Amino acid sequence: MNLDISLILVPIQKQENKIRETIDLLAEKYYFYPFVPHITVYHFGTTSLLNELIHFIDTSLGTAHPFNLELDNICYSDKFTKTLFANYKINSPLTHLYDTFHDEYKNIHDYQLAPHLSLIYKNNMKNEDKEKEIATLNLPKVLIIDKLCVITKENGSIVKEEDILQWNTARQVSFT
């Protein structure tokens, strides 16, 4: 079966809960579906390589350790998956993790790393509302990443709000 597959990074539980509260409040205010706070480290597009990928993760990430990501800025765009988001600085641990997958799978999908934490997935949100929310956000200056999850979705990429409801976690790896 072909699935849309992404690898996401999730912060430690305390930070995940705090960011999830922010996402939940924004979701209620702007009528969108909430989602897991995450940073995409690799997107594979639509493919059937799920079992191969899980095996690769299980054999390649045994020595992964938690690492930090420093907040760069908070932005917005008209792109659905980047309606309102926080950019994070690329560092050595993130680059190493990204390269692990890019070197192995760039022939499947040549994903380019752009670490960001989306806070809203919404079509047609007013820029004034985005700017207003940016002014009130209080995000951690440093995220501590301690999990990698394989997220799947049937029937293509995420392009509308309800697509988020089809996300499934196929595998989760905790960094030690």
C-alpha atoms as a PDB file:
ATOM      1  CA  MET A   1       0.000   0.000   0.000  1.00  0.00           C
ATOM      2  CA  ASN A   2       1.257   3.480  -0.846  1.00  0.00           C
ATOM      3  CA  LEU A   3       1.294   5.916   2.056  1.00  0.00           C
ATOM      4  CA  ASP A   4       2.441   9.486   2.496  1.00  0.00           C
ATOM      5  CA  ILE A   5       5.301   9.085   4.991  1.00  0.00           C
ATOM      6  CA  SER A   6       7.095  11.672   7.109  1.00  0.00           C
ATOM      7  CA  LEU A   7       9.632  11.483   9.908  1.00  0.00           C
ATOM      8  CA  ILE A   8       8.906  13.965  12.651  1.00  0.00           C
ATOM      9  CA  LEU A   9      10.813  15.051  15.727  1.00  0.00           C
ATOM     10  CA  VAL A  10       8.901  15.596  18.957  1.00  0.00           C
ATOM     11  CA  PRO A  11      10.189  17.527  21.982  1.00  0.00           C
ATOM     12  CA  ILE A  12      10.362  16.232  25.541  1.00  0.00           C
ATOM     13  CA  GLN A  13       6.970  15.642  27.164  1.00  0.00           C
ATOM     14  CA  LYS A  14       6.897  18.866  29.198  1.00  0.00           C
ATOM     15  CA  GLN A  15       7.560  21.001  26.097  1.00  0.00           C
ATOM     16  CA  GLU A  16       5.261  18.911  23.934  1.00  0.00           C
ATOM     17  CA  ASN A  17       2.419  19.491  26.424  1.00  0.00           C
ATOM     18  CA  LYS A  18       3.032  23.257  26.577  1.00  0.00           C
ATOM     19  CA  ILE A  19       3.140  23.607  22.789  1.00  0.00           C
ATOM     20  CA  ARG A  20       0.123  21.329  22.432  1.00  0.00           C
ATOM     21  CA  GLU A  21      -1.818  23.693  24.724  1.00  0.00           C
ATOM     22  CA  THR A  22      -0.928  26.577  22.404  1.00  0.00           C
ATOM     23  CA  ILE A  23      -1.943  24.596  19.302  1.00  0.00           C
ATOM     24  CA  ASP A  24      -5.204  23.501  20.973  1.00  0.00           C
ATOM     25  CA  LEU A  25      -6.114  27.083  21.924  1.00  0.00           C
ATOM     26  CA  LEU A  26      -5.367  28.319  18.402  1.00  0.00           C
ATOM     27  CA  ALA A  27      -7.345  25.405  16.933  1.00  0.00           C
ATOM     28  CA  GLU A  28     -10.370  26.318  19.003  1.00  0.00           C
ATOM     29  CA  LYS A  29     -10.067  30.003  18.139  1.00  0.00           C
ATOM     30  CA  TYR A  30      -9.497  29.560  14.375  1.00  0.00           C
ATOM     31  CA  TYR A  31     -11.456  26.343  13.750  1.00  0.00           C
ATOM     32  CA  PHE A  32      -8.819  23.866  12.655  1.00  0.00           C
ATOM     33  CA  TYR A  33      -7.885  20.396  13.834  1.00  0.00           C
ATOM     34  CA  PRO A  34      -5.085  20.253  16.425  1.00  0.00           C
ATOM     35  CA  PHE A  35      -2.013  18.115  15.790  1.00  0.00           C
ATOM     36  CA  VAL A  36       1.105  16.819  17.511  1.00  0.00           C
ATOM     37  CA  PRO A  37       3.792  19.496  17.971  1.00  0.00           C
ATOM     38  CA  HIS A  38       6.634  18.423  15.720  1.00  0.00           C
ATOM     39  CA  ILE A  39       9.453  19.299  13.359  1.00  0.00           C
ATOM     40  CA  THR A  40       9.652  17.326  10.121  1.00  0.00           C
ATOM     41  CA  VAL A  41      13.132  15.929   9.598  1.00  0.00           C
ATOM     42  CA  TYR A  42      12.283  14.075   6.376  1.00  0.00           C
ATOM     43  CA  HIS A  43       9.291  13.687   4.071  1.00  0.00           C
ATOM     44  CA  PHE A  44       9.276  10.712   1.702  1.00  0.00           C
ATOM     45  CA  GLY A  45       6.201  11.597  -0.326  1.00  0.00           C
ATOM     46  CA  THR A  46       3.870   8.787  -1.317  1.00  0.00           C
ATOM     47  CA  THR A  47       5.634   5.451  -1.305  1.00  0.00           C
ATOM     48  CA  SER A  48       5.344   1.819  -0.242  1.00  0.00           C
ATOM     49  CA  LEU A  49       8.634   1.673   1.687  1.00  0.00           C
ATOM     50  CA  LEU A  50       7.175   1.771   5.224  1.00  0.00           C
ATOM     51  CA  ASN A  51       8.505  -1.622   6.378  1.00  0.00           C
ATOM     52  CA  GLU A  52      11.931  -0.968   4.851  1.00  0.00           C
ATOM     53  CA  LEU A  53      12.054   2.449   6.509  1.00  0.00           C
ATOM     54  CA  ILE A  54      11.112   1.079   9.936  1.00  0.00           C
ATOM     55  CA  HIS A  55      13.837  -1.559   9.608  1.00  0.00           C
ATOM     56  CA  PHE A  56      16.352   1.130   8.594  1.00  0.00           C
ATOM     57  CA  ILE A  57      15.385   3.243  11.633  1.00  0.00           C
ATOM     58  CA  ASP A  58      15.639   0.286  13.996  1.00  0.00           C
ATOM     59  CA  THR A  59      19.144  -0.553  12.752  1.00  0.00           C
ATOM     60  CA  SER A  60      20.447   3.015  12.286  1.00  0.00           C
ATOM     61  CA  LEU A  61      19.220   5.018  15.261  1.00  0.00           C
ATOM     62  CA  GLY A  62      20.178   2.795  18.166  1.00  0.00           C
ATOM     63  CA  THR A  63      22.672   5.360  19.470  1.00  0.00           C
ATOM     64  CA  ALA A  64      20.587   8.509  18.936  1.00  0.00           C
ATOM     65  CA  HIS A  65      20.597  10.932  21.849  1.00  0.00           C
ATOM     66  CA  PRO A  66      18.313  13.833  22.748  1.00  0.00           C
ATOM     67  CA  PHE A  67      19.467  17.122  21.261  1.00  0.00           C
ATOM     68  CA  ASN A  68      18.553  20.796  21.359  1.00  0.00           C
ATOM     69  CA  LEU A  69      17.153  23.055  18.670  1.00  0.00           C
ATOM     70  CA  GLU A  70      17.344  26.813  19.095  1.00  0.00           C
ATOM     71  CA  LEU A  71      14.418  29.029  18.092  1.00  0.00           C
ATOM     72  CA  ASP A  72      15.266  31.365  15.213  1.00  0.00           C
ATOM     73  CA  ASN A  73      12.043  33.306  14.533  1.00  0.00           C
ATOM     74  CA  ILE A  74       8.285  33.017  14.206  1.00  0.00           C
ATOM     75  CA  CYS A  75       6.744  33.516  10.771  1.00  0.00           C
ATOM     76  CA  TYR A  76       3.644  32.958   8.701  1.00  0.00           C
ATOM     77  CA  SER A  77       2.829  32.210   5.083  1.00  0.00           C
ATOM     78  CA  ASP A  78      -0.052  31.336   2.784  1.00  0.00           C
ATOM     79  CA  LYS A  79       1.182  27.728   2.561  1.00  0.00           C
ATOM     80  CA  PHE A  80      -1.246  25.402   4.341  1.00  0.00           C
ATOM     81  CA  THR A  81       1.389  23.514   6.358  1.00  0.00           C
ATOM     82  CA  LYS A  82       3.203  26.760   7.255  1.00  0.00           C
ATOM     83  CA  THR A  83       0.266  28.988   8.143  1.00  0.00           C
ATOM     84  CA  LEU A  84       1.905  30.055  11.412  1.00  0.00           C
ATOM     85  CA  PHE A  85       5.216  28.485  12.409  1.00  0.00           C
ATOM     86  CA  ALA A  86       8.474  28.817  14.337  1.00  0.00           C
ATOM     87  CA  ASN A  87      11.762  28.366  12.498  1.00  0.00           C
ATOM     88  CA  TYR A  88      14.595  26.559  14.245  1.00  0.00           C
ATOM     89  CA  LYS A  89      18.320  26.812  13.570  1.00  0.00           C
ATOM     90  CA  ILE A  90      20.028  23.907  11.857  1.00  0.00           C
ATOM     91  CA  ASN A  91      22.746  22.395  14.019  1.00  0.00           C
ATOM     92  CA  SER A  92      25.092  19.420  13.888  1.00  0.00           C
ATOM     93  CA  PRO A  93      22.835  16.778  15.528  1.00  0.00           C
ATOM     94  CA  LEU A  94      19.907  17.741  13.291  1.00  0.00           C
ATOM     95  CA  THR A  95      22.089  17.728  10.190  1.00  0.00           C
ATOM     96  CA  HIS A  96      23.473  14.302  11.103  1.00  0.00           C
ATOM     97  CA  LEU A  97      19.967  12.880  11.560  1.00  0.00           C
ATOM     98  CA  TYR A  98      18.731  14.442   8.321  1.00  0.00           C
ATOM     99  CA  ASP A  99      21.797  13.176   6.401  1.00  0.00           C
ATOM    100  CA  THR A 100      21.165   9.639   7.685  1.00  0.00           C
ATOM    101  CA  PHE A 101      17.855   9.599   5.797  1.00  0.00           C
ATOM    102  CA  HIS A 102      18.783  11.856   2.894  1.00  0.00           C
ATOM    103  CA  ASP A 103      21.830   9.749   1.993  1.00  0.00           C
ATOM    104  CA  GLU A 104      19.735   6.583   2.030  1.00  0.00           C
ATOM    105  CA  TYR A 105      16.487   7.834   0.451  1.00  0.00           C
ATOM    106  CA  LYS A 106      17.192  10.899  -1.722  1.00  0.00           C
ATOM    107  CA  ASN A 107      16.439   8.801  -4.815  1.00  0.00           C
ATOM    108  CA  ILE A 108      12.910   8.213  -3.441  1.00  0.00           C
ATOM    109  CA  HIS A 109      12.316  11.846  -2.492  1.00  0.00           C
ATOM    110  CA  ASP A 110      14.963  14.566  -2.263  1.00  0.00           C
ATOM    111  CA  TYR A 111      13.543  16.384   0.772  1.00  0.00           C
ATOM    112  CA  GLN A 112      15.319  19.580   1.790  1.00  0.00           C
ATOM    113  CA  LEU A 113      15.597  20.262   5.512  1.00  0.00           C
ATOM    114  CA  ALA A 114      13.821  23.406   6.741  1.00  0.00           C
ATOM    115  CA  PRO A 115      13.231  22.876  10.483  1.00  0.00           C
ATOM    116  CA  HIS A 116      10.036  24.520  11.625  1.00  0.00           C
ATOM    117  CA  LEU A 117       7.347  23.889  14.194  1.00  0.00           C
ATOM    118  CA  SER A 118       3.913  24.584  12.743  1.00  0.00           C
ATOM    119  CA  LEU A 119       1.324  25.995  15.098  1.00  0.00           C
ATOM    120  CA  ILE A 120      -1.604  26.289  12.687  1.00  0.00           C
ATOM    121  CA  TYR A 121      -2.545  24.334   9.560  1.00  0.00           C
ATOM    122  CA  LYS A 122      -5.270  26.447   7.999  1.00  0.00           C
ATOM    123  CA  ASN A 123      -6.315  27.572   4.552  1.00  0.00           C
ATOM    124  CA  ASN A 124      -7.322  31.220   4.058  1.00  0.00           C
ATOM    125  CA  MET A 125      -6.325  32.634   7.440  1.00  0.00           C
ATOM    126  CA  LYS A 126      -6.046  36.428   7.503  1.00  0.00           C
ATOM    127  CA  ASN A 127      -2.526  37.856   7.763  1.00  0.00           C
ATOM    128  CA  GLU A 128      -3.720  40.284  10.455  1.00  0.00           C
ATOM    129  CA  ASP A 129      -4.756  37.309  12.595  1.00  0.00           C
ATOM    130  CA  LYS A 130      -1.399  35.625  12.046  1.00  0.00           C
ATOM    131  CA  GLU A 131       0.475  38.786  13.049  1.00  0.00           C
ATOM    132  CA  LYS A 132      -1.729  39.205  16.129  1.00  0.00           C
ATOM    133  CA  GLU A 133      -0.992  35.630  17.254  1.00  0.00           C
ATOM    134  CA  ILE A 134       2.755  35.968  16.691  1.00  0.00           C
ATOM    135  CA  ALA A 135       2.799  38.914  19.088  1.00  0.00           C
ATOM    136  CA  THR A 136       1.269  36.791  21.865  1.00  0.00           C
ATOM    137  CA  LEU A 137       3.170  33.510  21.428  1.00  0.00           C
ATOM    138  CA  ASN A 138       5.470  32.271  24.152  1.00  0.00           C
ATOM    139  CA  LEU A 139       7.442  29.323  22.765  1.00  0.00           C
ATOM    140  CA  PRO A 140      10.488  27.672  24.337  1.00  0.00           C
ATOM    141  CA  LYS A 141      13.711  29.322  23.129  1.00  0.00           C
ATOM    142  CA  VAL A 142      15.320  25.876  23.015  1.00  0.00           C
ATOM    143  CA  LEU A 143      13.500  22.655  22.191  1.00  0.00           C
ATOM    144  CA  ILE A 144      14.857  19.412  23.573  1.00  0.00           C
ATOM    145  CA  ILE A 145      14.141  16.717  20.991  1.00  0.00           C
ATOM    146  CA  ASP A 146      13.880  13.195  22.371  1.00  0.00           C
ATOM    147  CA  LYS A 147      11.604  11.310  19.950  1.00  0.00           C
ATOM    148  CA  LEU A 148      11.382  10.480  16.276  1.00  0.00           C
ATOM    149  CA  CYS A 149       8.065   9.256  14.874  1.00  0.00           C
ATOM    150  CA  VAL A 150       7.146   7.761  11.535  1.00  0.00           C
ATOM    151  CA  ILE A 151       3.867   9.366  10.511  1.00  0.00           C
ATOM    152  CA  THR A 152       1.747   7.926   7.714  1.00  0.00           C
ATOM    153  CA  LYS A 153      -1.339   9.074   5.887  1.00  0.00           C
ATOM    154  CA  GLU A 154      -3.317   7.251   3.232  1.00  0.00           C
ATOM    155  CA  ASN A 155      -4.404   8.981   0.033  1.00  0.00           C
ATOM    156  CA  GLY A 156      -1.725  11.610  -0.474  1.00  0.00           C
ATOM    157  CA  SER A 157      -0.316  14.625   1.302  1.00  0.00           C
ATOM    158  CA  ILE A 158      -1.863  16.956   3.826  1.00  0.00           C
ATOM    159  CA  VAL A 159      -3.578  19.771   1.957  1.00  0.00           C
ATOM    160  CA  LYS A 160      -6.726  20.511   3.968  1.00  0.00           C
ATOM    161  CA  GLU A 161      -7.626  20.680   7.647  1.00  0.00           C
ATOM    162  CA  GLU A 162      -9.344  17.289   7.965  1.00  0.00           C
ATOM    163  CA  ASP A 163      -6.347  15.476   6.418  1.00  0.00           C
ATOM    164  CA  ILE A 164      -4.652  15.743   9.809  1.00  0.00           C
ATOM    165  CA  LEU A 165      -7.251  13.362  11.228  1.00  0.00           C
ATOM    166  CA  GLN A 166      -5.780  10.606   9.019  1.00  0.00           C
ATOM    167  CA  TRP A 167      -2.295  10.773  10.550  1.00  0.00           C
ATOM    168  CA  ASN A 168      -1.089   7.519  12.067  1.00  0.00           C
ATOM    169  CA  THR A 169       2.066   6.864  14.022  1.00  0.00           C
ATOM    170  CA  ALA A 170       3.645   3.753  12.515  1.00  0.00           C
ATOM    171  CA  ARG A 171       6.740   3.807  14.731  1.00  0.00           C
ATOM    172  CA  GLN A 172       8.148   5.886  17.582  1.00  0.00           C
ATOM    173  CA  VAL A 173      11.764   5.864  18.695  1.00  0.00           C
ATOM    174  CA  SER A 174      12.854   7.514  21.936  1.00  0.00           C
ATOM    175  CA  PHE A 175      16.373   8.894  22.076  1.00  0.00           C
ATOM    176  CA  THR A 176      18.447   7.916  25.095  1.00  0.00           C
END
